[in-house]
Amino acid sequence: MSEAPRAQARTLASRAKVLAAAERLMRADPSSSFSMRELAAEAGVSFATPFNLFGSKAAIARALSVARIEQMTERVRDRPLGGDAIERLLQAVAVAAGLLLEEPVLNRAMMAALGGWTEEPGDVRARSRALWALALGGGDGLDPSLRTSAVERLPDQVALVFRGCLSFWVAGEVTDEDLPAEANAAVAMAVAAFAAPDRRATLLAKAR
């Protein structure tokens, strides 16, 4: 193996160590008050390594969030979602919420750390949009006259409303028990705008 692949492998290994250490510290301290020095010590790397790899705690939170979305995407891709686009989207919501609830303390802490302002925005929204686009597919089952618009716009709308629901969950205003139903209802409202009239009433009823 040449030096370049070795260096890349070392970088990836260090990156994995830092992210795993950040998760351990967030589990122990959901306020994420740990310092970068404490993070480096937990990861067993030099003090400069987390800065060199990520630059800031906010960037580490973004990397963890991206990893969660990748896990959601893998589960949606690997799980045979049944039905039309509407049903697949709502099943994907259940998959995503279920994954977050496997470790609610860690995932709340990660999302809380992610919520701060940063000069360098990441691509969390784009990755979330891609997740919902995967579930939406070609938009089968939606109003035929709105299908093209739905395929283009609905994934981003679902990304926004799902993240909004998670924000209230992080703040403790939506409980772990209620998260799946609240997320389902929020996404159903977004989907209803593109549904045929006979399906729209059913979707709107989810919010009552």
N, C-alpha and C. Protein backbone atom coordinates (compact mmCIF):
# COMPACT_ATOMS: atom_id res chain seq x y z
N MET A 1 0.85 -1.20 0.00
CA MET A 1 0.00 0.00 0.00
C MET A 1 0.88 1.24 0.00
N SER A 2 0.60 2.17 -0.89
CA SER A 2 1.39 3.40 -0.97
C SER A 2 1.06 4.30 0.22
N GLU A 3 1.83 5.37 0.36
CA GLU A 3 1.66 6.26 1.51
C GLU A 3 0.31 6.96 1.50
N ALA A 4 -0.18 7.36 0.31
CA ALA A 4 -1.46 8.08 0.26
C ALA A 4 -2.62 7.25 0.80
N PRO A 5 -2.79 5.99 0.36
CA PRO A 5 -3.87 5.18 0.94
C PRO A 5 -3.69 4.95 2.43
N ARG A 6 -2.43 4.79 2.88
CA ARG A 6 -2.20 4.60 4.32
C ARG A 6 -2.63 5.84 5.10
N ALA A 7 -2.27 7.00 4.58
CA ALA A 7 -2.65 8.25 5.25
C ALA A 7 -4.17 8.40 5.29
N GLN A 8 -4.82 8.04 4.20
CA GLN A 8 -6.28 8.12 4.16
C GLN A 8 -6.90 7.16 5.17
N ALA A 9 -6.34 5.96 5.27
CA ALA A 9 -6.85 4.97 6.23
C ALA A 9 -6.68 5.47 7.66
N ARG A 10 -5.52 6.09 7.94
CA ARG A 10 -5.29 6.64 9.28
C ARG A 10 -6.28 7.76 9.59
N THR A 11 -6.53 8.60 8.60
CA THR A 11 -7.48 9.70 8.79
C THR A 11 -8.88 9.16 9.08
N LEU A 12 -9.30 8.17 8.32
CA LEU A 12 -10.63 7.59 8.53
C LEU A 12 -10.72 6.93 9.90
N ALA A 13 -9.63 6.26 10.32
CA ALA A 13 -9.63 5.62 11.64
C ALA A 13 -9.71 6.66 12.75
N SER A 14 -8.96 7.75 12.60
CA SER A 14 -9.00 8.82 13.60
C SER A 14 -10.38 9.47 13.63
N ARG A 15 -10.96 9.67 12.47
CA ARG A 15 -12.29 10.25 12.39
C ARG A 15 -13.31 9.38 13.11
N ALA A 16 -13.23 8.07 12.88
CA ALA A 16 -14.15 7.15 13.55
C ALA A 16 -13.96 7.18 15.06
N LYS A 17 -12.71 7.27 15.51
CA LYS A 17 -12.43 7.34 16.95
C LYS A 17 -13.04 8.59 17.57
N VAL A 18 -12.88 9.71 16.90
CA VAL A 18 -13.41 10.98 17.43
C VAL A 18 -14.93 10.94 17.49
N LEU A 19 -15.58 10.45 16.44
CA LEU A 19 -17.04 10.39 16.44
C LEU A 19 -17.56 9.43 17.50
N ALA A 20 -16.90 8.28 17.65
CA ALA A 20 -17.32 7.33 18.68
C ALA A 20 -17.13 7.92 20.07
N ALA A 21 -16.03 8.64 20.27
CA ALA A 21 -15.80 9.29 21.56
C ALA A 21 -16.84 10.36 21.83
N ALA A 22 -17.20 11.13 20.81
CA ALA A 22 -18.23 12.16 20.97
C ALA A 22 -19.55 11.53 21.38
N GLU A 23 -19.88 10.40 20.80
CA GLU A 23 -21.12 9.72 21.17
C GLU A 23 -21.08 9.27 22.63
N ARG A 24 -19.95 8.72 23.05
CA ARG A 24 -19.84 8.28 24.45
C ARG A 24 -20.00 9.46 25.41
N LEU A 25 -19.37 10.58 25.09
CA LEU A 25 -19.46 11.75 25.95
C LEU A 25 -20.87 12.33 25.96
N MET A 26 -21.55 12.31 24.83
CA MET A 26 -22.93 12.80 24.77
C MET A 26 -23.88 11.91 25.57
N ARG A 27 -23.63 10.60 25.55
CA ARG A 27 -24.46 9.71 26.37
C ARG A 27 -24.28 10.03 27.86
N ALA A 28 -23.04 10.30 28.24
CA ALA A 28 -22.75 10.59 29.65
C ALA A 28 -23.18 12.00 30.05
N ASP A 29 -23.14 12.93 29.11
CA ASP A 29 -23.46 14.33 29.39
C ASP A 29 -24.27 14.89 28.22
N PRO A 30 -25.61 14.73 28.25
CA PRO A 30 -26.45 15.17 27.14
C PRO A 30 -26.35 16.67 26.84
N SER A 31 -25.83 17.45 27.78
CA SER A 31 -25.66 18.88 27.51
C SER A 31 -24.46 19.15 26.60
N SER A 32 -23.67 18.10 26.35
CA SER A 32 -22.49 18.20 25.47
C SER A 32 -21.55 19.31 25.92
N SER A 33 -21.34 19.40 27.22
CA SER A 33 -20.48 20.46 27.75
C SER A 33 -19.00 20.09 27.72
N PHE A 34 -18.68 18.92 27.21
CA PHE A 34 -17.29 18.49 27.16
C PHE A 34 -16.47 19.41 26.25
N SER A 35 -15.20 19.53 26.57
CA SER A 35 -14.30 20.36 25.76
C SER A 35 -13.67 19.52 24.66
N MET A 36 -13.07 20.19 23.70
CA MET A 36 -12.37 19.47 22.64
C MET A 36 -11.16 18.71 23.21
N ARG A 37 -10.57 19.23 24.26
CA ARG A 37 -9.46 18.53 24.91
C ARG A 37 -9.96 17.23 25.54
N GLU A 38 -11.11 17.30 26.20
CA GLU A 38 -11.69 16.09 26.79
C GLU A 38 -12.08 15.10 25.70
N LEU A 39 -12.57 15.61 24.60
CA LEU A 39 -12.93 14.74 23.48
C LEU A 39 -11.70 14.03 22.93
N ALA A 40 -10.62 14.76 22.75
CA ALA A 40 -9.39 14.16 22.24
C ALA A 40 -8.89 13.08 23.19
N ALA A 41 -8.94 13.35 24.49
CA ALA A 41 -8.49 12.36 25.47
C ALA A 41 -9.37 11.11 25.42
N GLU A 42 -10.67 11.30 25.32
CA GLU A 42 -11.60 10.17 25.24
C GLU A 42 -11.34 9.34 23.99
N ALA A 43 -10.99 10.01 22.90
CA ALA A 43 -10.76 9.31 21.63
C ALA A 43 -9.36 8.70 21.55
N GLY A 44 -8.47 9.12 22.45
CA GLY A 44 -7.10 8.62 22.40
C GLY A 44 -6.30 9.19 21.25
N VAL A 45 -6.58 10.44 20.91
CA VAL A 45 -5.86 11.11 19.82
C VAL A 45 -5.26 12.40 20.36
N SER A 46 -4.44 13.05 19.56
CA SER A 46 -3.83 14.30 20.00
C SER A 46 -4.89 15.40 20.11
N PHE A 47 -4.57 16.42 20.89
CA PHE A 47 -5.51 17.53 21.09
C PHE A 47 -5.89 18.18 19.76
N ALA A 48 -4.93 18.24 18.84
CA ALA A 48 -5.19 18.92 17.56
C ALA A 48 -6.05 18.10 16.61
N THR A 49 -6.11 16.80 16.81
CA THR A 49 -6.79 15.94 15.83
C THR A 49 -8.25 16.29 15.61
N PRO A 50 -9.08 16.45 16.65
CA PRO A 50 -10.48 16.81 16.40
C PRO A 50 -10.62 18.12 15.63
N PHE A 51 -9.75 19.08 15.93
CA PHE A 51 -9.79 20.35 15.19
C PHE A 51 -9.40 20.15 13.73
N ASN A 52 -8.34 19.37 13.52
CA ASN A 52 -7.87 19.15 12.15
C ASN A 52 -8.90 18.40 11.31
N LEU A 53 -9.60 17.46 11.93
CA LEU A 53 -10.56 16.64 11.19
C LEU A 53 -11.90 17.33 11.00
N PHE A 54 -12.34 18.08 12.01
CA PHE A 54 -13.69 18.64 11.98
C PHE A 54 -13.74 20.16 12.11
N GLY A 55 -12.88 20.72 12.93
CA GLY A 55 -12.85 22.16 13.11
C GLY A 55 -13.60 22.67 14.31
N SER A 56 -14.71 22.01 14.67
CA SER A 56 -15.52 22.50 15.79
C SER A 56 -16.45 21.40 16.28
N LYS A 57 -17.02 21.62 17.47
CA LYS A 57 -18.00 20.67 17.99
C LYS A 57 -19.25 20.65 17.13
N ALA A 58 -19.63 21.80 16.58
CA ALA A 58 -20.81 21.84 15.71
C ALA A 58 -20.60 20.96 14.48
N ALA A 59 -19.40 20.97 13.94
CA ALA A 59 -19.11 20.14 12.77
C ALA A 59 -19.14 18.66 13.13
N ILE A 60 -18.73 18.33 14.35
CA ILE A 60 -18.81 16.95 14.81
C ILE A 60 -20.27 16.53 14.93
N ALA A 61 -21.10 17.41 15.46
CA ALA A 61 -22.53 17.12 15.56
C ALA A 61 -23.13 16.91 14.17
N ARG A 62 -22.71 17.72 13.20
CA ARG A 62 -23.21 17.55 11.83
C ARG A 62 -22.79 16.19 11.28
N ALA A 63 -21.56 15.80 11.55
CA ALA A 63 -21.08 14.50 11.06
C ALA A 63 -21.88 13.36 11.69
N LEU A 64 -22.20 13.48 12.96
CA LEU A 64 -23.03 12.46 13.61
C LEU A 64 -24.43 12.45 13.03
N SER A 65 -24.97 13.63 12.74
CA SER A 65 -26.30 13.70 12.14
C SER A 65 -26.31 13.07 10.76
N VAL A 66 -25.28 13.34 9.98
CA VAL A 66 -25.17 12.73 8.65
C VAL A 66 -25.12 11.21 8.78
N ALA A 67 -24.38 10.73 9.78
CA ALA A 67 -24.31 9.28 9.99
C ALA A 67 -25.68 8.70 10.31
N ARG A 68 -26.48 9.43 11.11
CA ARG A 68 -27.82 8.94 11.42
C ARG A 68 -28.68 8.88 10.15
N ILE A 69 -28.61 9.92 9.35
CA ILE A 69 -29.41 9.93 8.12
C ILE A 69 -28.97 8.81 7.18
N GLU A 70 -27.67 8.54 7.14
CA GLU A 70 -27.19 7.43 6.32
C GLU A 70 -27.73 6.10 6.83
N GLN A 71 -27.80 5.96 8.16
CA GLN A 71 -28.38 4.74 8.73
C GLN A 71 -29.86 4.63 8.37
N MET A 72 -30.58 5.74 8.47
CA MET A 72 -31.99 5.74 8.08
C MET A 72 -32.15 5.34 6.62
N THR A 73 -31.31 5.91 5.77
CA THR A 73 -31.38 5.63 4.34
C THR A 73 -31.11 4.16 4.06
N GLU A 74 -30.11 3.60 4.74
CA GLU A 74 -29.80 2.18 4.56
C GLU A 74 -30.99 1.31 4.97
N ARG A 75 -31.63 1.66 6.07
CA ARG A 75 -32.77 0.86 6.52
C ARG A 75 -33.95 0.97 5.56
N VAL A 76 -34.19 2.17 5.07
CA VAL A 76 -35.28 2.36 4.11
C VAL A 76 -34.97 1.61 2.82
N ARG A 77 -33.72 1.65 2.40
CA ARG A 77 -33.33 0.97 1.16
C ARG A 77 -33.41 -0.55 1.32
N ASP A 78 -33.01 -1.04 2.50
CA ASP A 78 -32.96 -2.49 2.71
C ASP A 78 -34.30 -3.09 3.09
N ARG A 79 -35.19 -2.25 3.61
CA ARG A 79 -36.49 -2.75 4.03
C ARG A 79 -37.48 -2.63 2.87
N PRO A 80 -38.19 -3.71 2.55
CA PRO A 80 -39.16 -3.62 1.45
C PRO A 80 -40.39 -2.80 1.86
N LEU A 81 -40.41 -1.53 1.48
CA LEU A 81 -41.55 -0.68 1.80
C LEU A 81 -42.68 -1.00 0.84
N GLY A 82 -43.85 -1.22 1.38
CA GLY A 82 -44.99 -1.59 0.54
C GLY A 82 -45.87 -0.41 0.20
N GLY A 83 -46.77 -0.63 -0.74
CA GLY A 83 -47.76 0.38 -1.08
C GLY A 83 -47.25 1.43 -2.04
N ASP A 84 -48.02 2.51 -2.14
CA ASP A 84 -47.66 3.59 -3.06
C ASP A 84 -46.76 4.62 -2.36
N ALA A 85 -46.53 5.73 -3.03
CA ALA A 85 -45.59 6.73 -2.50
C ALA A 85 -46.03 7.26 -1.13
N ILE A 86 -47.32 7.47 -0.95
CA ILE A 86 -47.81 7.97 0.33
C ILE A 86 -47.50 6.98 1.45
N GLU A 87 -47.82 5.73 1.20
CA GLU A 87 -47.59 4.71 2.22
C GLU A 87 -46.10 4.50 2.48
N ARG A 88 -45.30 4.56 1.43
CA ARG A 88 -43.85 4.39 1.61
C ARG A 88 -43.25 5.53 2.43
N LEU A 89 -43.70 6.75 2.17
CA LEU A 89 -43.20 7.89 2.94
C LEU A 89 -43.51 7.74 4.42
N LEU A 90 -44.73 7.35 4.72
CA LEU A 90 -45.12 7.21 6.13
C LEU A 90 -44.40 6.04 6.79
N GLN A 91 -44.14 4.98 6.04
CA GLN A 91 -43.34 3.88 6.58
C GLN A 91 -41.90 4.33 6.83
N ALA A 92 -41.37 5.16 5.93
CA ALA A 92 -40.01 5.67 6.12
C ALA A 92 -39.93 6.57 7.35
N VAL A 93 -40.99 7.33 7.61
CA VAL A 93 -41.04 8.15 8.83
C VAL A 93 -40.94 7.26 10.06
N ALA A 94 -41.67 6.14 10.05
CA ALA A 94 -41.62 5.21 11.18
C ALA A 94 -40.22 4.64 11.35
N VAL A 95 -39.56 4.32 10.24
CA VAL A 95 -38.20 3.80 10.30
C VAL A 95 -37.26 4.85 10.91
N ALA A 96 -37.36 6.09 10.44
CA ALA A 96 -36.47 7.15 10.92
C ALA A 96 -36.69 7.45 12.40
N ALA A 97 -37.95 7.58 12.79
CA ALA A 97 -38.25 7.85 14.20
C ALA A 97 -37.81 6.69 15.08
N GLY A 98 -38.03 5.48 14.60
CA GLY A 98 -37.63 4.30 15.36
C GLY A 98 -36.14 4.24 15.60
N LEU A 99 -35.36 4.61 14.60
CA LEU A 99 -33.91 4.60 14.76
C LEU A 99 -33.49 5.61 15.83
N LEU A 100 -34.05 6.80 15.80
CA LEU A 100 -33.70 7.81 16.80
C LEU A 100 -34.07 7.36 18.20
N LEU A 101 -35.16 6.64 18.33
CA LEU A 101 -35.63 6.20 19.64
C LEU A 101 -34.85 5.01 20.18
N GLU A 102 -33.99 4.43 19.37
CA GLU A 102 -33.13 3.36 19.87
C GLU A 102 -32.13 3.91 20.89
N GLU A 103 -31.71 5.15 20.71
CA GLU A 103 -30.83 5.83 21.66
C GLU A 103 -31.29 7.27 21.81
N PRO A 104 -32.41 7.48 22.49
CA PRO A 104 -32.98 8.84 22.55
C PRO A 104 -32.09 9.85 23.24
N VAL A 105 -31.39 9.46 24.29
CA VAL A 105 -30.53 10.41 25.00
C VAL A 105 -29.42 10.90 24.08
N LEU A 106 -28.74 9.98 23.43
CA LEU A 106 -27.66 10.34 22.52
C LEU A 106 -28.17 11.18 21.36
N ASN A 107 -29.26 10.77 20.76
CA ASN A 107 -29.73 11.46 19.57
C ASN A 107 -30.30 12.84 19.88
N ARG A 108 -30.91 13.00 21.05
CA ARG A 108 -31.33 14.34 21.47
C ARG A 108 -30.11 15.24 21.64
N ALA A 109 -29.10 14.71 22.32
CA ALA A 109 -27.88 15.50 22.56
C ALA A 109 -27.22 15.89 21.24
N MET A 110 -27.18 14.95 20.31
CA MET A 110 -26.56 15.23 19.01
C MET A 110 -27.33 16.31 18.27
N MET A 111 -28.66 16.23 18.27
CA MET A 111 -29.46 17.21 17.55
C MET A 111 -29.44 18.57 18.24
N ALA A 112 -29.36 18.56 19.57
CA ALA A 112 -29.26 19.84 20.29
C ALA A 112 -27.95 20.54 19.95
N ALA A 113 -26.87 19.77 19.88
CA ALA A 113 -25.58 20.36 19.51
C ALA A 113 -25.57 20.83 18.07
N LEU A 114 -26.37 20.18 17.24
CA LEU A 114 -26.44 20.53 15.83
C LEU A 114 -27.19 21.83 15.60
N GLY A 115 -28.04 22.21 16.55
CA GLY A 115 -28.96 23.32 16.33
C GLY A 115 -28.36 24.71 16.38
N GLY A 116 -27.10 24.82 16.77
CA GLY A 116 -26.49 26.14 16.87
C GLY A 116 -26.10 26.73 15.53
N TRP A 117 -25.93 28.05 15.52
CA TRP A 117 -25.53 28.74 14.30
C TRP A 117 -24.09 28.41 13.96
N THR A 118 -23.80 28.31 12.67
CA THR A 118 -22.44 28.05 12.23
C THR A 118 -22.17 28.82 10.94
N GLU A 119 -20.91 29.23 10.77
CA GLU A 119 -20.55 29.96 9.55
C GLU A 119 -20.47 29.03 8.34
N GLU A 120 -20.33 27.74 8.59
CA GLU A 120 -20.18 26.78 7.50
C GLU A 120 -21.30 25.75 7.59
N PRO A 121 -22.45 26.05 6.99
CA PRO A 121 -23.55 25.09 7.04
C PRO A 121 -23.18 23.80 6.33
N GLY A 122 -23.72 22.70 6.84
CA GLY A 122 -23.42 21.40 6.25
C GLY A 122 -24.42 20.99 5.20
N ASP A 123 -24.52 19.69 4.99
CA ASP A 123 -25.43 19.18 3.98
C ASP A 123 -26.48 18.25 4.58
N VAL A 124 -26.81 18.47 5.86
CA VAL A 124 -27.81 17.64 6.52
C VAL A 124 -29.15 17.71 5.81
N ARG A 125 -29.55 18.92 5.43
CA ARG A 125 -30.84 19.07 4.75
C ARG A 125 -30.85 18.33 3.42
N ALA A 126 -29.78 18.43 2.67
CA ALA A 126 -29.71 17.75 1.37
C ALA A 126 -29.77 16.24 1.55
N ARG A 127 -29.09 15.72 2.56
CA ARG A 127 -29.11 14.28 2.79
C ARG A 127 -30.48 13.82 3.27
N SER A 128 -31.11 14.64 4.10
CA SER A 128 -32.47 14.31 4.54
C SER A 128 -33.42 14.31 3.35
N ARG A 129 -33.29 15.29 2.49
CA ARG A 129 -34.12 15.36 1.29
C ARG A 129 -33.94 14.10 0.44
N ALA A 130 -32.71 13.63 0.32
CA ALA A 130 -32.44 12.43 -0.48
C ALA A 130 -33.10 11.20 0.15
N LEU A 131 -33.14 11.14 1.47
CA LEU A 131 -33.82 10.03 2.15
C LEU A 131 -35.29 9.98 1.77
N TRP A 132 -35.95 11.12 1.84
CA TRP A 132 -37.39 11.14 1.55
C TRP A 132 -37.66 10.96 0.06
N ALA A 133 -36.74 11.42 -0.77
CA ALA A 133 -36.89 11.19 -2.22
C ALA A 133 -36.81 9.71 -2.53
N LEU A 134 -35.97 8.99 -1.80
CA LEU A 134 -35.86 7.54 -1.98
C LEU A 134 -37.19 6.86 -1.70
N ALA A 135 -37.83 7.26 -0.59
CA ALA A 135 -39.12 6.66 -0.25
C ALA A 135 -40.22 7.09 -1.21
N LEU A 136 -40.17 8.33 -1.66
CA LEU A 136 -41.20 8.86 -2.56
C LEU A 136 -41.19 8.18 -3.92
N GLY A 137 -40.00 7.89 -4.41
CA GLY A 137 -39.91 7.27 -5.73
C GLY A 137 -40.50 8.16 -6.81
N GLY A 138 -41.30 7.55 -7.68
CA GLY A 138 -41.90 8.30 -8.78
C GLY A 138 -43.19 8.99 -8.44
N GLY A 139 -43.60 8.93 -7.17
CA GLY A 139 -44.81 9.63 -6.75
C GLY A 139 -46.10 8.91 -7.08
N ASP A 140 -46.02 7.60 -7.28
CA ASP A 140 -47.23 6.82 -7.55
C ASP A 140 -48.21 6.95 -6.39
N GLY A 141 -49.49 7.11 -6.71
CA GLY A 141 -50.51 7.26 -5.68
C GLY A 141 -50.84 8.70 -5.36
N LEU A 142 -50.03 9.64 -5.83
CA LEU A 142 -50.33 11.06 -5.64
C LEU A 142 -51.24 11.55 -6.76
N ASP A 143 -51.78 12.75 -6.58
CA ASP A 143 -52.63 13.34 -7.61
C ASP A 143 -51.82 13.42 -8.91
N PRO A 144 -52.28 12.77 -9.99
CA PRO A 144 -51.51 12.77 -11.24
C PRO A 144 -51.16 14.17 -11.73
N SER A 145 -52.05 15.13 -11.51
CA SER A 145 -51.78 16.49 -11.99
C SER A 145 -50.70 17.19 -11.17
N LEU A 146 -50.38 16.65 -9.99
CA LEU A 146 -49.39 17.27 -9.11
C LEU A 146 -48.13 16.41 -8.96
N ARG A 147 -48.10 15.28 -9.63
CA ARG A 147 -47.02 14.32 -9.39
C ARG A 147 -45.65 14.89 -9.71
N THR A 148 -45.51 15.57 -10.83
CA THR A 148 -44.21 16.12 -11.20
C THR A 148 -43.73 17.12 -10.15
N SER A 149 -44.63 17.98 -9.71
CA SER A 149 -44.29 18.96 -8.68
C SER A 149 -43.95 18.27 -7.37
N ALA A 150 -44.69 17.21 -7.05
CA ALA A 150 -44.45 16.49 -5.80
C ALA A 150 -43.07 15.85 -5.78
N VAL A 151 -42.70 15.20 -6.85
CA VAL A 151 -41.39 14.56 -6.91
C VAL A 151 -40.28 15.59 -6.75
N GLU A 152 -40.51 16.78 -7.27
CA GLU A 152 -39.50 17.84 -7.21
C GLU A 152 -39.47 18.52 -5.84
N ARG A 153 -40.62 18.73 -5.22
CA ARG A 153 -40.69 19.59 -4.04
C ARG A 153 -40.98 18.87 -2.72
N LEU A 154 -41.69 17.75 -2.78
CA LEU A 154 -42.14 17.11 -1.54
C LEU A 154 -41.01 16.61 -0.67
N PRO A 155 -39.94 16.01 -1.21
CA PRO A 155 -38.86 15.55 -0.32
C PRO A 155 -38.31 16.66 0.57
N ASP A 156 -38.17 17.86 0.03
CA ASP A 156 -37.65 18.96 0.84
C ASP A 156 -38.66 19.39 1.89
N GLN A 157 -39.94 19.39 1.54
CA GLN A 157 -40.97 19.75 2.51
C GLN A 157 -41.04 18.73 3.64
N VAL A 158 -40.91 17.47 3.30
CA VAL A 158 -40.91 16.43 4.33
C VAL A 158 -39.67 16.58 5.22
N ALA A 159 -38.53 16.89 4.62
CA ALA A 159 -37.32 17.11 5.42
C ALA A 159 -37.53 18.23 6.43
N LEU A 160 -38.19 19.30 6.01
CA LEU A 160 -38.43 20.44 6.89
C LEU A 160 -39.40 20.09 8.02
N VAL A 161 -40.51 19.45 7.70
CA VAL A 161 -41.50 19.18 8.75
C VAL A 161 -41.00 18.10 9.70
N PHE A 162 -40.26 17.12 9.19
CA PHE A 162 -39.72 16.08 10.07
C PHE A 162 -38.71 16.69 11.03
N ARG A 163 -37.85 17.54 10.51
CA ARG A 163 -36.87 18.20 11.38
C ARG A 163 -37.57 19.09 12.39
N GLY A 164 -38.64 19.76 11.98
CA GLY A 164 -39.38 20.58 12.93
C GLY A 164 -39.95 19.77 14.07
N CYS A 165 -40.49 18.61 13.74
CA CYS A 165 -41.02 17.72 14.77
C CYS A 165 -39.91 17.28 15.72
N LEU A 166 -38.75 16.96 15.15
CA LEU A 166 -37.62 16.54 15.98
C LEU A 166 -37.14 17.67 16.89
N SER A 167 -37.26 18.91 16.44
CA SER A 167 -36.86 20.04 17.28
C SER A 167 -37.69 20.10 18.56
N PHE A 168 -38.99 19.84 18.44
CA PHE A 168 -39.84 19.83 19.63
C PHE A 168 -39.54 18.61 20.49
N TRP A 169 -39.15 17.51 19.88
CA TRP A 169 -38.75 16.32 20.63
C TRP A 169 -37.48 16.60 21.42
N VAL A 170 -36.51 17.24 20.79
CA VAL A 170 -35.26 17.59 21.47
C VAL A 170 -35.55 18.51 22.66
N ALA A 171 -36.51 19.43 22.49
CA ALA A 171 -36.85 20.37 23.55
C ALA A 171 -37.71 19.75 24.64
N GLY A 172 -38.12 18.50 24.47
CA GLY A 172 -38.93 17.82 25.48
C GLY A 172 -40.41 18.08 25.37
N GLU A 173 -40.84 18.79 24.31
CA GLU A 173 -42.26 19.08 24.14
C GLU A 173 -43.00 17.96 23.40
N VAL A 174 -42.27 17.07 22.79
CA VAL A 174 -42.81 15.83 22.22
C VAL A 174 -42.10 14.69 22.93
N THR A 175 -42.85 13.78 23.53
CA THR A 175 -42.25 12.69 24.28
C THR A 175 -41.75 11.59 23.34
N ASP A 176 -40.91 10.72 23.90
CA ASP A 176 -40.46 9.57 23.12
C ASP A 176 -41.65 8.75 22.64
N GLU A 177 -42.60 8.56 23.52
CA GLU A 177 -43.78 7.75 23.19
C GLU A 177 -44.58 8.38 22.05
N ASP A 178 -44.66 9.70 22.04
CA ASP A 178 -45.49 10.39 21.04
C ASP A 178 -44.76 10.69 19.73
N LEU A 179 -43.44 10.58 19.72
CA LEU A 179 -42.69 10.99 18.53
C LEU A 179 -43.15 10.30 17.25
N PRO A 180 -43.31 8.97 17.22
CA PRO A 180 -43.71 8.34 15.95
C PRO A 180 -45.02 8.89 15.40
N ALA A 181 -46.03 9.04 16.27
CA ALA A 181 -47.33 9.53 15.81
C ALA A 181 -47.27 10.99 15.40
N GLU A 182 -46.53 11.80 16.16
CA GLU A 182 -46.42 13.22 15.83
C GLU A 182 -45.69 13.41 14.49
N ALA A 183 -44.63 12.65 14.29
CA ALA A 183 -43.90 12.75 13.02
C ALA A 183 -44.75 12.26 11.86
N ASN A 184 -45.50 11.20 12.09
CA ASN A 184 -46.39 10.67 11.06
C ASN A 184 -47.42 11.71 10.66
N ALA A 185 -48.03 12.37 11.65
CA ALA A 185 -49.06 13.37 11.36
C ALA A 185 -48.46 14.58 10.65
N ALA A 186 -47.27 15.01 11.07
CA ALA A 186 -46.64 16.17 10.44
C ALA A 186 -46.34 15.91 8.97
N VAL A 187 -45.79 14.73 8.69
CA VAL A 187 -45.48 14.40 7.31
C VAL A 187 -46.75 14.19 6.50
N ALA A 188 -47.77 13.61 7.12
CA ALA A 188 -49.04 13.41 6.42
C ALA A 188 -49.62 14.74 5.95
N MET A 189 -49.45 15.79 6.75
CA MET A 189 -49.95 17.11 6.35
C MET A 189 -49.23 17.61 5.10
N ALA A 190 -47.92 17.39 5.05
CA ALA A 190 -47.16 17.82 3.87
C ALA A 190 -47.56 17.02 2.64
N VAL A 191 -47.76 15.73 2.82
CA VAL A 191 -48.12 14.87 1.70
C VAL A 191 -49.53 15.18 1.20
N ALA A 192 -50.42 15.58 2.11
CA ALA A 192 -51.82 15.82 1.75
C ALA A 192 -51.96 16.86 0.65
N ALA A 193 -51.05 17.81 0.60
CA ALA A 193 -51.13 18.87 -0.42
C ALA A 193 -50.99 18.31 -1.83
N PHE A 194 -50.38 17.14 -1.95
CA PHE A 194 -50.15 16.56 -3.27
C PHE A 194 -50.99 15.30 -3.51
N ALA A 195 -51.85 14.97 -2.57
CA ALA A 195 -52.64 13.74 -2.68
C ALA A 195 -53.93 13.99 -3.46
N ALA A 196 -54.45 12.93 -4.04
CA ALA A 196 -55.75 13.00 -4.70
C ALA A 196 -56.81 13.25 -3.63
N PRO A 197 -57.94 13.87 -3.99
CA PRO A 197 -58.95 14.24 -3.00
C PRO A 197 -59.39 13.09 -2.10
N ASP A 198 -59.53 11.89 -2.65
CA ASP A 198 -60.00 10.77 -1.84
C ASP A 198 -58.98 10.34 -0.79
N ARG A 199 -57.70 10.60 -1.04
CA ARG A 199 -56.67 10.26 -0.07
C ARG A 199 -56.40 11.42 0.89
N ARG A 200 -56.67 12.62 0.44
CA ARG A 200 -56.36 13.81 1.23
C ARG A 200 -57.11 13.81 2.56
N ALA A 201 -58.38 13.44 2.52
CA ALA A 201 -59.18 13.44 3.75
C ALA A 201 -58.60 12.49 4.79
N THR A 202 -58.13 11.34 4.34
CA THR A 202 -57.54 10.37 5.26
C THR A 202 -56.26 10.92 5.89
N LEU A 203 -55.45 11.57 5.08
CA LEU A 203 -54.21 12.14 5.59
C LEU A 203 -54.47 13.28 6.57
N LEU A 204 -55.42 14.13 6.24
CA LEU A 204 -55.73 15.26 7.13
C LEU A 204 -56.29 14.78 8.46
N ALA A 205 -56.97 13.65 8.45
CA ALA A 205 -57.55 13.12 9.69
C ALA A 205 -56.49 12.72 10.70
N LYS A 206 -55.27 12.48 10.24
CA LYS A 206 -54.19 12.08 11.14
C LYS A 206 -53.84 13.18 12.13
N ALA A 207 -54.15 14.43 11.79
CA ALA A 207 -53.80 15.55 12.67
C ALA A 207 -54.88 15.88 13.67
N ARG A 208 -55.99 15.18 13.62
CA ARG A 208 -57.09 15.54 14.51
C ARG A 208 -56.99 14.80 15.83
